[in-house]
mmCIF file of all heavy atoms, coordinates in Angstrom:
data_MODEL
# 
_entry.id   MODEL 
# 
loop_
_atom_site.group_PDB 
_atom_site.id 
_atom_site.type_symbol 
_atom_site.label_atom_id 
_atom_site.label_alt_id 
_atom_site.label_comp_id 
_atom_site.label_asym_id 
_atom_site.label_entity_id 
_atom_site.label_seq_id 
_atom_site.pdbx_PDB_ins_code 
_atom_site.Cartn_x 
_atom_site.Cartn_y 
_atom_site.Cartn_z 
_atom_site.occupancy 
_atom_site.B_iso_or_equiv 
_atom_site.pdbx_formal_charge 
_atom_site.auth_seq_id 
_atom_site.auth_comp_id 
_atom_site.auth_asym_id 
_atom_site.auth_atom_id 
_atom_site.pdbx_PDB_model_num 
ATOM 1   N N   . LYS A 1 1  ? 111.677 95.388  135.877 1.00 0.00 ? 1  LYS A N   1 
ATOM 2   C CA  . LYS A 1 1  ? 111.991 95.413  137.294 1.00 0.00 ? 1  LYS A CA  1 
ATOM 3   C C   . LYS A 1 1  ? 113.229 96.308  137.517 1.00 0.00 ? 1  LYS A C   1 
ATOM 4   O O   . LYS A 1 1  ? 113.568 96.600  138.664 1.00 0.00 ? 1  LYS A O   1 
ATOM 5   C CB  . LYS A 1 1  ? 112.283 94.006  137.801 1.00 0.00 ? 1  LYS A CB  1 
ATOM 6   C CG  . LYS A 1 1  ? 111.035 93.158  137.806 1.00 0.00 ? 1  LYS A CG  1 
ATOM 7   C CD  . LYS A 1 1  ? 111.293 91.776  138.312 1.00 0.00 ? 1  LYS A CD  1 
ATOM 8   C CE  . LYS A 1 1  ? 109.991 91.027  138.093 1.00 0.00 ? 1  LYS A CE  1 
ATOM 9   N NZ  . LYS A 1 1  ? 109.781 89.914  138.885 1.00 0.00 ? 1  LYS A NZ  1 
ATOM 10  N N   . LYS A 1 2  ? 113.832 96.797  136.446 1.00 0.00 ? 2  LYS A N   1 
ATOM 11  C CA  . LYS A 1 2  ? 114.995 97.667  136.543 1.00 0.00 ? 2  LYS A CA  1 
ATOM 12  C C   . LYS A 1 2  ? 114.550 99.092  136.906 1.00 0.00 ? 2  LYS A C   1 
ATOM 13  O O   . LYS A 1 2  ? 113.429 99.468  136.638 1.00 0.00 ? 2  LYS A O   1 
ATOM 14  C CB  . LYS A 1 2  ? 115.778 97.699  135.243 1.00 0.00 ? 2  LYS A CB  1 
ATOM 15  C CG  . LYS A 1 2  ? 116.499 96.398  134.952 1.00 0.00 ? 2  LYS A CG  1 
ATOM 16  C CD  . LYS A 1 2  ? 117.351 96.592  133.699 1.00 0.00 ? 2  LYS A CD  1 
ATOM 17  C CE  . LYS A 1 2  ? 118.179 95.360  133.435 1.00 0.00 ? 2  LYS A CE  1 
ATOM 18  N NZ  . LYS A 1 2  ? 119.110 95.590  132.293 1.00 0.00 ? 2  LYS A NZ  1 
ATOM 19  N N   . GLU A 1 3  ? 115.497 99.850  137.459 1.00 0.00 ? 3  GLU A N   1 
ATOM 20  C CA  . GLU A 1 3  ? 115.216 101.245 137.715 1.00 0.00 ? 3  GLU A CA  1 
ATOM 21  C C   . GLU A 1 3  ? 115.145 101.995 136.391 1.00 0.00 ? 3  GLU A C   1 
ATOM 22  O O   . GLU A 1 3  ? 115.862 101.664 135.461 1.00 0.00 ? 3  GLU A O   1 
ATOM 23  C CB  . GLU A 1 3  ? 116.326 101.857 138.579 1.00 0.00 ? 3  GLU A CB  1 
ATOM 24  C CG  . GLU A 1 3  ? 116.071 101.648 140.042 1.00 0.00 ? 3  GLU A CG  1 
ATOM 25  C CD  . GLU A 1 3  ? 116.763 102.658 140.906 1.00 0.00 ? 3  GLU A CD  1 
ATOM 26  O OE1 . GLU A 1 3  ? 116.793 103.852 140.547 1.00 0.00 ? 3  GLU A OE1 1 
ATOM 27  O OE2 . GLU A 1 3  ? 117.262 102.234 141.942 1.00 0.00 ? 3  GLU A OE2 1 
ATOM 28  N N   . ILE A 1 4  ? 114.300 102.993 136.372 1.00 0.00 ? 4  ILE A N   1 
ATOM 29  C CA  . ILE A 1 4  ? 114.205 103.823 135.187 1.00 0.00 ? 4  ILE A CA  1 
ATOM 30  C C   . ILE A 1 4  ? 115.300 104.906 135.254 1.00 0.00 ? 4  ILE A C   1 
ATOM 31  O O   . ILE A 1 4  ? 115.504 105.536 136.268 1.00 0.00 ? 4  ILE A O   1 
ATOM 32  C CB  . ILE A 1 4  ? 112.797 104.498 135.112 1.00 0.00 ? 4  ILE A CB  1 
ATOM 33  C CG1 . ILE A 1 4  ? 111.736 103.414 134.950 1.00 0.00 ? 4  ILE A CG1 1 
ATOM 34  C CG2 . ILE A 1 4  ? 112.747 105.490 133.979 1.00 0.00 ? 4  ILE A CG2 1 
ATOM 35  C CD1 . ILE A 1 4  ? 110.326 103.930 134.964 1.00 0.00 ? 4  ILE A CD1 1 
ATOM 36  N N   . VAL A 1 5  ? 116.003 105.034 134.145 1.00 0.00 ? 5  VAL A N   1 
ATOM 37  C CA  . VAL A 1 5  ? 117.103 105.970 134.061 1.00 0.00 ? 5  VAL A CA  1 
ATOM 38  C C   . VAL A 1 5  ? 116.613 107.415 134.209 1.00 0.00 ? 5  VAL A C   1 
ATOM 39  O O   . VAL A 1 5  ? 115.527 107.759 133.766 1.00 0.00 ? 5  VAL A O   1 
ATOM 40  C CB  . VAL A 1 5  ? 117.886 105.762 132.740 1.00 0.00 ? 5  VAL A CB  1 
ATOM 41  C CG1 . VAL A 1 5  ? 117.041 106.128 131.551 1.00 0.00 ? 5  VAL A CG1 1 
ATOM 42  C CG2 . VAL A 1 5  ? 119.172 106.501 132.738 1.00 0.00 ? 5  VAL A CG2 1 
ATOM 43  N N   . ASP A 1 6  ? 117.415 108.246 134.817 1.00 0.00 ? 6  ASP A N   1 
ATOM 44  C CA  . ASP A 1 6  ? 117.154 109.680 134.897 1.00 0.00 ? 6  ASP A CA  1 
ATOM 45  C C   . ASP A 1 6  ? 117.710 110.296 133.616 1.00 0.00 ? 6  ASP A C   1 
ATOM 46  O O   . ASP A 1 6  ? 118.928 110.456 133.500 1.00 0.00 ? 6  ASP A O   1 
ATOM 47  C CB  . ASP A 1 6  ? 117.818 110.275 136.140 1.00 0.00 ? 6  ASP A CB  1 
ATOM 48  C CG  . ASP A 1 6  ? 117.637 111.771 136.265 1.00 0.00 ? 6  ASP A CG  1 
ATOM 49  O OD1 . ASP A 1 6  ? 117.084 112.400 135.337 1.00 0.00 ? 6  ASP A OD1 1 
ATOM 50  O OD2 . ASP A 1 6  ? 118.055 112.324 137.294 1.00 0.00 ? 6  ASP A OD2 1 
ATOM 51  N N   . THR A 1 7  ? 116.855 110.661 132.695 1.00 0.00 ? 7  THR A N   1 
ATOM 52  C CA  . THR A 1 7  ? 117.310 111.145 131.407 1.00 0.00 ? 7  THR A CA  1 
ATOM 53  C C   . THR A 1 7  ? 117.909 112.554 131.464 1.00 0.00 ? 7  THR A C   1 
ATOM 54  O O   . THR A 1 7  ? 118.442 113.018 130.473 1.00 0.00 ? 7  THR A O   1 
ATOM 55  C CB  . THR A 1 7  ? 116.163 111.116 130.357 1.00 0.00 ? 7  THR A CB  1 
ATOM 56  O OG1 . THR A 1 7  ? 115.065 111.882 130.880 1.00 0.00 ? 7  THR A OG1 1 
ATOM 57  C CG2 . THR A 1 7  ? 115.740 109.698 130.074 1.00 0.00 ? 7  THR A CG2 1 
ATOM 58  N N   . THR A 1 8  ? 117.814 113.223 132.607 1.00 0.00 ? 8  THR A N   1 
ATOM 59  C CA  . THR A 1 8  ? 118.480 114.522 132.712 1.00 0.00 ? 8  THR A CA  1 
ATOM 60  C C   . THR A 1 8  ? 119.998 114.332 132.948 1.00 0.00 ? 8  THR A C   1 
ATOM 61  O O   . THR A 1 8  ? 120.759 115.263 132.711 1.00 0.00 ? 8  THR A O   1 
ATOM 62  C CB  . THR A 1 8  ? 117.897 115.367 133.881 1.00 0.00 ? 8  THR A CB  1 
ATOM 63  O OG1 . THR A 1 8  ? 118.078 114.708 135.103 1.00 0.00 ? 8  THR A OG1 1 
ATOM 64  C CG2 . THR A 1 8  ? 116.412 115.641 133.642 1.00 0.00 ? 8  THR A CG2 1 
ATOM 65  N N   . THR A 1 9  ? 120.404 113.160 133.388 1.00 0.00 ? 9  THR A N   1 
ATOM 66  C CA  . THR A 1 9  ? 121.813 112.920 133.664 1.00 0.00 ? 9  THR A CA  1 
ATOM 67  C C   . THR A 1 9  ? 122.388 111.717 132.941 1.00 0.00 ? 9  THR A C   1 
ATOM 68  O O   . THR A 1 9  ? 123.590 111.551 132.874 1.00 0.00 ? 9  THR A O   1 
ATOM 69  C CB  . THR A 1 9  ? 122.050 112.719 135.177 1.00 0.00 ? 9  THR A CB  1 
ATOM 70  O OG1 . THR A 1 9  ? 121.286 111.589 135.618 1.00 0.00 ? 9  THR A OG1 1 
ATOM 71  C CG2 . THR A 1 9  ? 121.659 113.955 135.959 1.00 0.00 ? 9  THR A CG2 1 
ATOM 72  N N   . SER A 1 10 ? 121.538 110.864 132.393 1.00 0.00 ? 10 SER A N   1 
ATOM 73  C CA  . SER A 1 10 ? 121.991 109.620 131.752 1.00 0.00 ? 10 SER A CA  1 
ATOM 74  C C   . SER A 1 10 ? 121.240 109.417 130.433 1.00 0.00 ? 10 SER A C   1 
ATOM 75  O O   . SER A 1 10 ? 120.138 109.915 130.246 1.00 0.00 ? 10 SER A O   1 
ATOM 76  C CB  . SER A 1 10 ? 121.720 108.436 132.661 1.00 0.00 ? 10 SER A CB  1 
ATOM 77  O OG  . SER A 1 10 ? 122.371 108.578 133.887 1.00 0.00 ? 10 SER A OG  1 
ATOM 78  N N   . SER A 1 11 ? 121.863 108.616 129.570 1.00 0.00 ? 11 SER A N   1 
ATOM 79  C CA  . SER A 1 11 ? 121.235 108.256 128.308 1.00 0.00 ? 11 SER A CA  1 
ATOM 80  C C   . SER A 1 11 ? 120.968 106.746 128.312 1.00 0.00 ? 11 SER A C   1 
ATOM 81  O O   . SER A 1 11 ? 121.838 105.969 128.686 1.00 0.00 ? 11 SER A O   1 
ATOM 82  C CB  . SER A 1 11 ? 122.121 108.557 127.120 1.00 0.00 ? 11 SER A CB  1 
ATOM 83  O OG  . SER A 1 11 ? 122.396 109.932 127.050 1.00 0.00 ? 11 SER A OG  1 
ATOM 84  N N   . GLU A 1 12 ? 119.771 106.363 127.906 1.00 0.00 ? 12 GLU A N   1 
ATOM 85  C CA  . GLU A 1 12 ? 119.490 104.931 127.814 1.00 0.00 ? 12 GLU A CA  1 
ATOM 86  C C   . GLU A 1 12 ? 119.652 104.430 126.402 1.00 0.00 ? 12 GLU A C   1 
ATOM 87  O O   . GLU A 1 12 ? 119.929 103.287 126.155 1.00 0.00 ? 12 GLU A O   1 
ATOM 88  C CB  . GLU A 1 12 ? 118.100 104.636 128.379 1.00 0.00 ? 12 GLU A CB  1 
ATOM 89  C CG  . GLU A 1 12 ? 116.925 104.831 127.461 1.00 0.00 ? 12 GLU A CG  1 
ATOM 90  C CD  . GLU A 1 12 ? 116.407 106.253 127.327 1.00 0.00 ? 12 GLU A CD  1 
ATOM 91  O OE1 . GLU A 1 12 ? 117.181 107.222 127.438 1.00 0.00 ? 12 GLU A OE1 1 
ATOM 92  O OE2 . GLU A 1 12 ? 115.178 106.410 127.119 1.00 0.00 ? 12 GLU A OE2 1 
ATOM 93  N N   . VAL A 1 13 ? 119.461 105.325 125.402 1.00 0.00 ? 13 VAL A N   1 
ATOM 94  C CA  . VAL A 1 13 ? 119.548 104.944 123.988 1.00 0.00 ? 13 VAL A CA  1 
ATOM 95  C C   . VAL A 1 13 ? 119.478 106.220 123.159 1.00 0.00 ? 13 VAL A C   1 
ATOM 96  O O   . VAL A 1 13 ? 118.982 107.238 123.617 1.00 0.00 ? 13 VAL A O   1 
ATOM 97  C CB  . VAL A 1 13 ? 118.352 103.978 123.639 1.00 0.00 ? 13 VAL A CB  1 
ATOM 98  C CG1 . VAL A 1 13 ? 117.029 104.689 123.685 1.00 0.00 ? 13 VAL A CG1 1 
ATOM 99  C CG2 . VAL A 1 13 ? 118.551 103.304 122.293 1.00 0.00 ? 13 VAL A CG2 1 
ATOM 100 N N   . ILE A 1 14 ? 120.030 106.169 121.962 1.00 0.00 ? 14 ILE A N   1 
ATOM 101 C CA  . ILE A 1 14 ? 119.815 107.247 120.982 1.00 0.00 ? 14 ILE A CA  1 
ATOM 102 C C   . ILE A 1 14 ? 119.051 106.625 119.822 1.00 0.00 ? 14 ILE A C   1 
ATOM 103 O O   . ILE A 1 14 ? 119.466 105.650 119.214 1.00 0.00 ? 14 ILE A O   1 
ATOM 104 C CB  . ILE A 1 14 ? 121.155 107.806 120.458 1.00 0.00 ? 14 ILE A CB  1 
ATOM 105 C CG1 . ILE A 1 14 ? 121.992 108.427 121.609 1.00 0.00 ? 14 ILE A CG1 1 
ATOM 106 C CG2 . ILE A 1 14 ? 120.884 108.851 119.377 1.00 0.00 ? 14 ILE A CG2 1 
ATOM 107 C CD1 . ILE A 1 14 ? 123.369 108.866 121.208 1.00 0.00 ? 14 ILE A CD1 1 
ATOM 108 N N   . LEU A 1 15 ? 117.870 107.148 119.598 1.00 0.00 ? 15 LEU A N   1 
ATOM 109 C CA  . LEU A 1 15 ? 116.988 106.669 118.530 1.00 0.00 ? 15 LEU A CA  1 
ATOM 110 C C   . LEU A 1 15 ? 117.206 107.517 117.282 1.00 0.00 ? 15 LEU A C   1 
ATOM 111 O O   . LEU A 1 15 ? 117.255 108.738 117.386 1.00 0.00 ? 15 LEU A O   1 
ATOM 112 C CB  . LEU A 1 15 ? 115.532 106.770 118.994 1.00 0.00 ? 15 LEU A CB  1 
ATOM 113 C CG  . LEU A 1 15 ? 115.237 106.026 120.289 1.00 0.00 ? 15 LEU A CG  1 
ATOM 114 C CD1 . LEU A 1 15 ? 113.985 106.546 120.943 1.00 0.00 ? 15 LEU A CD1 1 
ATOM 115 C CD2 . LEU A 1 15 ? 115.109 104.545 120.013 1.00 0.00 ? 15 LEU A CD2 1 
ATOM 116 N N   . CYS A 1 16 ? 117.384 106.855 116.168 1.00 0.00 ? 16 CYS A N   1 
ATOM 117 C CA  . CYS A 1 16 ? 117.649 107.603 114.925 1.00 0.00 ? 16 CYS A CA  1 
ATOM 118 C C   . CYS A 1 16 ? 116.632 107.147 113.873 1.00 0.00 ? 16 CYS A C   1 
ATOM 119 O O   . CYS A 1 16 ? 116.384 105.960 113.686 1.00 0.00 ? 16 CYS A O   1 
ATOM 120 C CB  . CYS A 1 16 ? 119.071 107.294 114.442 1.00 0.00 ? 16 CYS A CB  1 
ATOM 121 S SG  . CYS A 1 16 ? 119.550 108.215 112.964 1.00 0.00 ? 16 CYS A SG  1 
ATOM 122 N N   . PHE A 1 17 ? 116.029 108.150 113.225 1.00 0.00 ? 17 PHE A N   1 
ATOM 123 C CA  . PHE A 1 17 ? 115.116 107.829 112.128 1.00 0.00 ? 17 PHE A CA  1 
ATOM 124 C C   . PHE A 1 17 ? 115.502 108.629 110.913 1.00 0.00 ? 17 PHE A C   1 
ATOM 125 O O   . PHE A 1 17 ? 116.158 109.668 111.005 1.00 0.00 ? 17 PHE A O   1 
ATOM 126 C CB  . PHE A 1 17 ? 113.649 107.993 112.526 1.00 0.00 ? 17 PHE A CB  1 
ATOM 127 C CG  . PHE A 1 17 ? 113.239 109.392 112.941 1.00 0.00 ? 17 PHE A CG  1 
ATOM 128 C CD1 . PHE A 1 17 ? 112.775 110.293 111.985 1.00 0.00 ? 17 PHE A CD1 1 
ATOM 129 C CD2 . PHE A 1 17 ? 113.298 109.777 114.245 1.00 0.00 ? 17 PHE A CD2 1 
ATOM 130 C CE1 . PHE A 1 17 ? 112.355 111.563 112.364 1.00 0.00 ? 17 PHE A CE1 1 
ATOM 131 C CE2 . PHE A 1 17 ? 112.903 111.039 114.645 1.00 0.00 ? 17 PHE A CE2 1 
ATOM 132 C CZ  . PHE A 1 17 ? 112.434 111.957 113.698 1.00 0.00 ? 17 PHE A CZ  1 
ATOM 133 N N   . SER A 1 18 ? 115.097 108.147 109.737 1.00 0.00 ? 18 SER A N   1 
ATOM 134 C CA  . SER A 1 18 ? 115.528 108.771 108.491 1.00 0.00 ? 18 SER A CA  1 
ATOM 135 C C   . SER A 1 18 ? 114.534 109.848 108.037 1.00 0.00 ? 18 SER A C   1 
ATOM 136 O O   . SER A 1 18 ? 113.367 109.809 108.345 1.00 0.00 ? 18 SER A O   1 
ATOM 137 C CB  . SER A 1 18 ? 115.670 107.716 107.399 1.00 0.00 ? 18 SER A CB  1 
ATOM 138 O OG  . SER A 1 18 ? 114.439 107.067 107.167 1.00 0.00 ? 18 SER A OG  1 
ATOM 139 N N   . ALA A 1 19 ? 115.080 110.791 107.275 1.00 0.00 ? 19 ALA A N   1 
ATOM 140 C CA  . ALA A 1 19 ? 114.307 111.845 106.672 1.00 0.00 ? 19 ALA A CA  1 
ATOM 141 C C   . ALA A 1 19 ? 114.495 111.746 105.137 1.00 0.00 ? 19 ALA A C   1 
ATOM 142 O O   . ALA A 1 19 ? 115.416 111.078 104.663 1.00 0.00 ? 19 ALA A O   1 
ATOM 143 C CB  . ALA A 1 19 ? 114.767 113.212 107.158 1.00 0.00 ? 19 ALA A CB  1 
ATOM 144 N N   . GLU A 1 20 ? 113.616 112.399 104.410 1.00 0.00 ? 20 GLU A N   1 
ATOM 145 C CA  . GLU A 1 20 ? 113.660 112.334 102.967 1.00 0.00 ? 20 GLU A CA  1 
ATOM 146 C C   . GLU A 1 20 ? 114.638 113.331 102.346 1.00 0.00 ? 20 GLU A C   1 
ATOM 147 O O   . GLU A 1 20 ? 114.966 113.209 101.146 1.00 0.00 ? 20 GLU A O   1 
ATOM 148 C CB  . GLU A 1 20 ? 112.257 112.554 102.400 1.00 0.00 ? 20 GLU A CB  1 
ATOM 149 C CG  . GLU A 1 20 ? 111.305 111.458 102.803 1.00 0.00 ? 20 GLU A CG  1 
ATOM 150 C CD  . GLU A 1 20 ? 109.869 111.728 102.332 1.00 0.00 ? 20 GLU A CD  1 
ATOM 151 O OE1 . GLU A 1 20 ? 109.634 112.706 101.592 1.00 0.00 ? 20 GLU A OE1 1 
ATOM 152 O OE2 . GLU A 1 20 ? 109.004 110.929 102.692 1.00 0.00 ? 20 GLU A OE2 1 
ATOM 153 N N   . SER A 1 21 ? 115.118 114.323 103.121 1.00 0.00 ? 21 SER A N   1 
ATOM 154 C CA  . SER A 1 21 ? 116.025 115.319 102.591 1.00 0.00 ? 21 SER A CA  1 
ATOM 155 C C   . SER A 1 21 ? 116.745 116.010 103.747 1.00 0.00 ? 21 SER A C   1 
ATOM 156 O O   . SER A 1 21 ? 116.335 115.887 104.902 1.00 0.00 ? 21 SER A O   1 
ATOM 157 C CB  . SER A 1 21 ? 115.268 116.360 101.766 1.00 0.00 ? 21 SER A CB  1 
ATOM 158 O OG  . SER A 1 21 ? 114.434 117.130 102.634 1.00 0.00 ? 21 SER A OG  1 
ATOM 159 N N   . ARG A 1 22 ? 117.803 116.752 103.404 1.00 0.00 ? 22 ARG A N   1 
ATOM 160 C CA  . ARG A 1 22 ? 118.475 117.555 104.432 1.00 0.00 ? 22 ARG A CA  1 
ATOM 161 C C   . ARG A 1 22 ? 117.521 118.609 104.997 1.00 0.00 ? 22 ARG A C   1 
ATOM 162 O O   . ARG A 1 22 ? 117.523 118.843 106.179 1.00 0.00 ? 22 ARG A O   1 
ATOM 163 C CB  . ARG A 1 22 ? 119.688 118.267 103.791 1.00 0.00 ? 22 ARG A CB  1 
ATOM 164 C CG  . ARG A 1 22 ? 120.827 117.326 103.447 1.00 0.00 ? 22 ARG A CG  1 
ATOM 165 C CD  . ARG A 1 22 ? 121.888 118.057 102.633 1.00 0.00 ? 22 ARG A CD  1 
ATOM 166 N NE  . ARG A 1 22 ? 122.938 117.153 102.257 1.00 0.00 ? 22 ARG A NE  1 
ATOM 167 C CZ  . ARG A 1 22 ? 124.103 117.086 102.863 1.00 0.00 ? 22 ARG A CZ  1 
ATOM 168 N NH1 . ARG A 1 22 ? 124.397 117.897 103.827 1.00 0.00 ? 22 ARG A NH1 1 
ATOM 169 N NH2 . ARG A 1 22 ? 125.004 116.205 102.466 1.00 0.00 ? 22 ARG A NH2 1 
ATOM 170 N N   . ASN A 1 23 ? 116.721 119.203 104.123 1.00 0.00 ? 23 ASN A N   1 
ATOM 171 C CA  . ASN A 1 23 ? 115.759 120.221 104.557 1.00 0.00 ? 23 ASN A CA  1 
ATOM 172 C C   . ASN A 1 23 ? 114.771 119.616 105.550 1.00 0.00 ? 23 ASN A C   1 
ATOM 173 O O   . ASN A 1 23 ? 114.395 120.287 106.535 1.00 0.00 ? 23 ASN A O   1 
ATOM 174 C CB  . ASN A 1 23 ? 115.025 120.823 103.383 1.00 0.00 ? 23 ASN A CB  1 
ATOM 175 C CG  . ASN A 1 23 ? 115.885 121.758 102.595 1.00 0.00 ? 23 ASN A CG  1 
ATOM 176 O OD1 . ASN A 1 23 ? 116.924 122.238 103.055 1.00 0.00 ? 23 ASN A OD1 1 
ATOM 177 N ND2 . ASN A 1 23 ? 115.480 122.019 101.342 1.00 0.00 ? 23 ASN A ND2 1 
ATOM 178 N N   . GLN A 1 24 ? 114.336 118.382 105.319 1.00 0.00 ? 24 GLN A N   1 
ATOM 179 C CA  . GLN A 1 24 ? 113.399 117.755 106.249 1.00 0.00 ? 24 GLN A CA  1 
ATOM 180 C C   . GLN A 1 24 ? 114.066 117.500 107.595 1.00 0.00 ? 24 GLN A C   1 
ATOM 181 O O   . GLN A 1 24 ? 113.430 117.642 108.633 1.00 0.00 ? 24 GLN A O   1 
ATOM 182 C CB  . GLN A 1 24 ? 112.836 116.468 105.673 1.00 0.00 ? 24 GLN A CB  1 
ATOM 183 C CG  . GLN A 1 24 ? 111.687 115.936 106.522 1.00 0.00 ? 24 GLN A CG  1 
ATOM 184 C CD  . GLN A 1 24 ? 111.077 114.668 105.970 1.00 0.00 ? 24 GLN A CD  1 
ATOM 185 O OE1 . GLN A 1 24 ? 111.783 113.752 105.545 1.00 0.00 ? 24 GLN A OE1 1 
ATOM 186 N NE2 . GLN A 1 24 ? 109.748 114.603 105.993 1.00 0.00 ? 24 GLN A NE2 1 
ATOM 187 N N   . VAL A 1 25 ? 115.346 117.138 107.604 1.00 0.00 ? 25 VAL A N   1 
ATOM 188 C CA  . VAL A 1 25 ? 116.071 116.958 108.878 1.00 0.00 ? 25 VAL A CA  1 
ATOM 189 C C   . VAL A 1 25 ? 116.003 118.282 109.670 1.00 0.00 ? 25 VAL A C   1 
ATOM 190 O O   . VAL A 1 25 ? 115.610 118.308 110.819 1.00 0.00 ? 25 VAL A O   1 
ATOM 191 C CB  . VAL A 1 25 ? 117.561 116.581 108.628 1.00 0.00 ? 25 VAL A CB  1 
ATOM 192 C CG1 . VAL A 1 25 ? 118.359 116.663 109.936 1.00 0.00 ? 25 VAL A CG1 1 
ATOM 193 C CG2 . VAL A 1 25 ? 117.676 115.205 108.003 1.00 0.00 ? 25 VAL A CG2 1 
ATOM 194 N N   . ASP A 1 26 ? 116.349 119.380 109.012 1.00 0.00 ? 26 ASP A N   1 
ATOM 195 C CA  . ASP A 1 26 ? 116.343 120.678 109.677 1.00 0.00 ? 26 ASP A CA  1 
ATOM 196 C C   . ASP A 1 26 ? 114.939 121.062 110.138 1.00 0.00 ? 26 ASP A C   1 
ATOM 197 O O   . ASP A 1 26 ? 114.734 121.596 111.238 1.00 0.00 ? 26 ASP A O   1 
ATOM 198 C CB  . ASP A 1 26 ? 116.882 121.761 108.751 1.00 0.00 ? 26 ASP A CB  1 
ATOM 199 C CG  . ASP A 1 26 ? 118.351 121.633 108.434 1.00 0.00 ? 26 ASP A CG  1 
ATOM 200 O OD1 . ASP A 1 26 ? 119.070 120.935 109.195 1.00 0.00 ? 26 ASP A OD1 1 
ATOM 201 O OD2 . ASP A 1 26 ? 118.821 122.249 107.465 1.00 0.00 ? 26 ASP A OD2 1 
# 
């Protein structure tokens, strides 16, 4: 029932996931 955030001006969350190597991150 909440308003949806405008992601062009606000952040609702930062999602982080893991990679197997530095090269995979890049």
